[in-house]
Amino acid sequence: MEITGVEIIRAAAVLSAGFCMGFSCLGPGIGEGYACGKAVEAIAKEPTQAGPITRTMLVGQAVTESPAIYALVIALLLLFVVK
């Protein structure tokens, strides 16, 4: 059984896709958790402002999630385009 260059490239692409998604989701996960925690604190201090606080938090989380979505696109390219 001989391992060819194509198999090595395919294995590297699959491993790279896994690392890409794993490491790129750390930052957004931590950031979104921090933002959600601070929003809960703000709502606890000022319950009448729950609507604007929640709306602002959701917009911020959408922006925070964008790097992970870009990483997902790159991981999918590694999985399905690299041969």
Protein backbone atom coordinates (compact mmCIF):
# COMPACT_ATOMS: atom_id res chain seq x y z
CA MET A 1 0.00 0.00 0.00
CA GLU A 2 1.57 3.21 -1.19
CA ILE A 3 0.51 6.70 -0.16
CA THR A 4 0.46 9.08 -3.09
CA GLY A 5 0.86 12.84 -3.16
CA VAL A 6 -2.84 13.30 -3.89
CA GLU A 7 -3.78 11.43 -0.71
CA ILE A 8 -1.38 13.54 1.36
CA ILE A 9 -2.84 16.74 -0.09
CA ARG A 10 -6.39 15.52 0.61
CA ALA A 11 -5.50 14.59 4.19
CA ALA A 12 -3.86 18.00 4.72
CA ALA A 13 -6.95 19.73 3.33
CA VAL A 14 -9.27 17.82 5.68
CA LEU A 15 -7.06 18.52 8.70
CA SER A 16 -6.76 22.17 7.72
CA ALA A 17 -10.54 22.47 7.42
CA GLY A 18 -10.93 21.06 10.93
CA PHE A 19 -8.34 23.40 12.41
CA CYS A 20 -9.84 26.32 10.49
CA MET A 21 -13.26 25.80 12.01
CA GLY A 22 -11.95 24.90 15.45
CA PHE A 23 -9.72 27.91 15.96
CA SER A 24 -11.92 30.41 14.15
CA CYS A 25 -14.91 29.67 16.39
CA LEU A 26 -13.04 30.34 19.62
CA GLY A 27 -13.04 34.13 19.28
CA PRO A 28 -16.68 34.55 18.23
CA GLY A 29 -17.81 32.10 20.91
CA ILE A 30 -15.99 33.97 23.66
CA GLY A 31 -17.07 37.35 22.29
CA GLU A 32 -20.72 36.41 21.98
CA GLY A 33 -20.77 34.94 25.47
CA TYR A 34 -19.21 38.08 26.90
CA ALA A 35 -21.67 40.32 25.03
CA CYS A 36 -24.64 38.24 26.15
CA GLY A 37 -23.48 38.33 29.76
CA LYS A 38 -23.06 42.10 29.68
CA ALA A 39 -26.50 42.49 28.07
CA VAL A 40 -28.07 40.42 30.85
CA GLU A 41 -26.32 42.61 33.43
CA ALA A 42 -27.57 45.75 31.70
CA ILE A 43 -31.14 44.43 31.54
CA ALA A 44 -30.96 43.49 35.22
CA LYS A 45 -29.93 47.06 36.08
CA GLU A 46 -32.46 48.73 33.77
CA PRO A 47 -35.35 46.38 32.89
CA THR A 48 -37.28 49.05 31.00
CA GLN A 49 -34.51 49.20 28.38
CA ALA A 50 -34.62 45.46 27.59
CA GLY A 51 -35.77 45.97 23.99
CA PRO A 52 -33.00 48.34 22.82
CA ILE A 53 -30.34 46.42 24.74
CA THR A 54 -31.41 43.10 23.19
CA ARG A 55 -31.58 44.61 19.71
CA THR A 56 -28.10 46.11 20.04
CA MET A 57 -26.75 42.83 21.43
CA LEU A 58 -28.14 40.84 18.50
CA VAL A 59 -26.64 43.23 15.94
CA GLY A 60 -23.30 43.00 17.72
CA GLN A 61 -23.45 39.22 17.78
CA ALA A 62 -24.20 39.12 14.06
CA VAL A 63 -21.09 41.18 13.42
CA THR A 64 -19.08 39.01 15.80
CA GLU A 65 -20.20 35.83 14.02
CA SER A 66 -19.02 36.95 10.56
CA PRO A 67 -15.39 35.73 10.91
CA ALA A 68 -16.66 32.25 11.80
CA ILE A 69 -18.89 32.27 8.72
CA TYR A 70 -15.92 33.26 6.55
CA ALA A 71 -13.94 30.40 8.10
CA LEU A 72 -16.80 28.03 7.31
CA VAL A 73 -16.63 29.08 3.65
CA ILE A 74 -12.88 28.48 3.61
CA ALA A 75 -13.30 25.08 5.30
CA LEU A 76 -15.93 24.06 2.75
CA LEU A 77 -13.61 25.13 -0.06
CA LEU A 78 -10.84 23.02 1.46
CA LEU A 79 -13.15 20.03 1.71
CA PHE A 80 -14.84 20.15 -1.66
CA VAL A 81 -12.50 22.02 -4.01
CA VAL A 82 -9.01 20.84 -3.04
CA LYS A 83 -8.39 17.48 -4.65
